[in-house]
Amino acid sequence: MKLLLDENLAPRLSAALGDLYPGSSHLSECGLRGATDDAVWQFAKGNGYVIASKDSDFSQRSVLEGCPPKVIWLRIGNGTTSRMEFVLRNAHSQIATFVRNPEPCCLVLSVPVKGIR
């Protein structure tokens, strides 16, 4: 499974996660810097990517249009690139299950705030 990392994620994540998500790319590596959501959606759909984003736009679109592409919505706030990598690494088995299942189109990943359950 390969991820298409949205502009709100660091470009270096694609290389950092290459061992778990081979073939992953950042929008900038695909010539999509500044592209519309529709262009990104069509690119992901046509090239077998799962979109990973911190914005709700693609999550909302997946509700309206279904999948492919599948969407991973990272609801983890403004964190470091290391934190994003940590979350995506730790959720690998969950993401793999999500990608294999034809039903859900969006997976929401969040990190609980300490002290709140």
Protein backbone atom coordinates (compact mmCIF):
# COMPACT_ATOMS: atom_id res chain seq x y z
CA MET A 1 0.00 0.00 0.00
CA LYS A 2 1.38 3.34 -0.97
CA LEU A 3 0.49 6.67 0.57
CA LEU A 4 0.06 9.99 -1.18
CA LEU A 5 1.05 12.53 1.46
CA ASP A 6 -0.85 15.80 1.34
CA GLU A 7 0.90 19.19 1.32
CA ASN A 8 0.28 19.62 5.04
CA LEU A 9 2.70 16.76 5.73
CA ALA A 10 6.47 16.96 5.38
CA PRO A 11 7.88 15.77 2.05
CA ARG A 12 10.58 13.74 3.82
CA LEU A 13 7.93 11.43 5.29
CA SER A 14 7.66 9.47 2.04
CA ALA A 15 11.30 8.36 2.31
CA ALA A 16 11.11 7.90 6.10
CA LEU A 17 8.14 5.55 5.72
CA GLY A 18 9.37 3.78 2.60
CA ASP A 19 10.12 0.56 4.44
CA LEU A 20 6.50 0.15 5.57
CA TYR A 21 4.73 1.98 2.76
CA PRO A 22 6.82 1.33 -0.37
CA GLY A 23 6.05 3.56 -3.33
CA SER A 24 4.68 6.36 -1.17
CA SER A 25 5.06 9.92 -2.42
CA HIS A 26 4.48 13.47 -1.32
CA LEU A 27 2.34 15.71 -3.55
CA SER A 28 5.40 17.77 -4.38
CA GLU A 29 7.19 14.68 -5.71
CA CYS A 30 4.28 14.06 -8.09
CA GLY A 31 4.12 17.57 -9.53
CA LEU A 32 0.99 18.31 -7.52
CA ARG A 33 2.21 21.16 -5.31
CA GLY A 34 -0.66 23.66 -5.14
CA ALA A 35 -3.00 21.33 -7.05
CA THR A 36 -6.73 21.35 -6.44
CA ASP A 37 -8.28 18.68 -4.25
CA ASP A 38 -9.95 17.28 -7.36
CA ALA A 39 -6.61 16.92 -9.16
CA VAL A 40 -5.09 15.20 -6.12
CA TRP A 41 -8.13 12.90 -5.81
CA GLN A 42 -7.99 11.90 -9.47
CA PHE A 43 -4.22 11.34 -9.32
CA ALA A 44 -4.55 9.12 -6.24
CA LYS A 45 -7.45 7.22 -7.77
CA GLY A 46 -5.64 6.67 -11.08
CA ASN A 47 -2.37 5.61 -9.48
CA GLY A 48 -3.49 3.39 -6.61
CA TYR A 49 -2.61 5.70 -3.73
CA VAL A 50 -4.19 6.06 -0.31
CA ILE A 51 -4.38 9.78 0.53
CA ALA A 52 -2.96 10.76 3.94
CA SER A 53 -3.88 14.25 5.14
CA LYS A 54 -4.34 16.35 8.26
CA ASP A 55 -7.20 18.26 6.61
CA SER A 56 -10.83 17.14 6.68
CA ASP A 57 -11.34 17.91 2.96
CA PHE A 58 -10.50 14.44 1.66
CA SER A 59 -12.38 12.75 4.49
CA GLN A 60 -15.50 14.70 3.57
CA ARG A 61 -15.00 13.91 -0.09
CA SER A 62 -14.74 10.19 0.67
CA VAL A 63 -18.19 10.36 2.31
CA LEU A 64 -19.64 12.03 -0.79
CA GLU A 65 -17.85 10.08 -3.51
CA GLY A 66 -16.84 6.82 -1.89
CA CYS A 67 -13.59 5.16 -2.79
CA PRO A 68 -11.14 4.68 -4.38
CA PRO A 69 -9.05 6.37 -3.30
CA LYS A 70 -9.14 5.57 0.37
CA VAL A 71 -8.29 8.35 2.82
CA ILE A 72 -6.38 8.43 6.09
CA TRP A 73 -7.35 11.50 8.10
CA LEU A 74 -4.64 12.31 10.62
CA ARG A 75 -6.45 14.10 13.45
CA ILE A 76 -3.38 14.55 15.57
CA GLY A 77 -2.98 18.30 15.69
CA ASN A 78 0.09 20.27 14.81
CA GLY A 79 2.90 17.90 15.56
CA THR A 80 6.41 17.34 14.41
CA THR A 81 7.33 15.24 11.42
CA SER A 82 8.65 12.65 13.87
CA ARG A 83 5.23 12.48 15.50
CA MET A 84 3.52 11.97 12.13
CA GLU A 85 5.97 9.21 11.30
CA PHE A 86 5.42 7.62 14.72
CA VAL A 87 1.63 7.58 14.25
CA LEU A 88 1.77 6.16 10.73
CA ARG A 89 4.31 3.51 11.77
CA ASN A 90 2.33 2.43 14.81
CA ALA A 91 -0.91 2.27 12.82
CA HIS A 92 0.56 0.16 10.01
CA SER A 93 -1.44 -2.99 10.79
CA GLN A 94 -4.61 -0.94 11.27
CA ILE A 95 -4.00 0.83 7.96
CA ALA A 96 -3.30 -2.47 6.18
CA THR A 97 -6.60 -3.90 7.46
CA PHE A 98 -8.40 -0.72 6.39
CA VAL A 99 -6.93 -0.88 2.87
CA ARG A 100 -7.87 -4.55 2.44
CA ASN A 101 -11.48 -3.97 3.55
CA PRO A 102 -13.61 -2.72 0.63
CA GLU A 103 -16.22 -1.06 2.86
CA PRO A 104 -14.74 1.93 4.71
CA CYS A 105 -13.38 4.78 2.62
CA CYS A 106 -11.85 6.85 5.41
CA LEU A 107 -9.76 5.89 8.41
CA VAL A 108 -9.45 8.49 11.16
CA LEU A 109 -6.27 8.28 13.19
CA SER A 110 -6.11 10.31 16.35
CA VAL A 111 -3.92 10.47 19.40
CA PRO A 112 -5.72 10.80 22.72
CA VAL A 113 -4.89 13.80 24.85
CA LYS A 114 -3.31 12.86 28.17
CA GLY A 115 -5.82 12.80 30.98
CA ILE A 116 -8.85 12.61 28.67
CA ARG A 117 -10.45 9.26 27.90
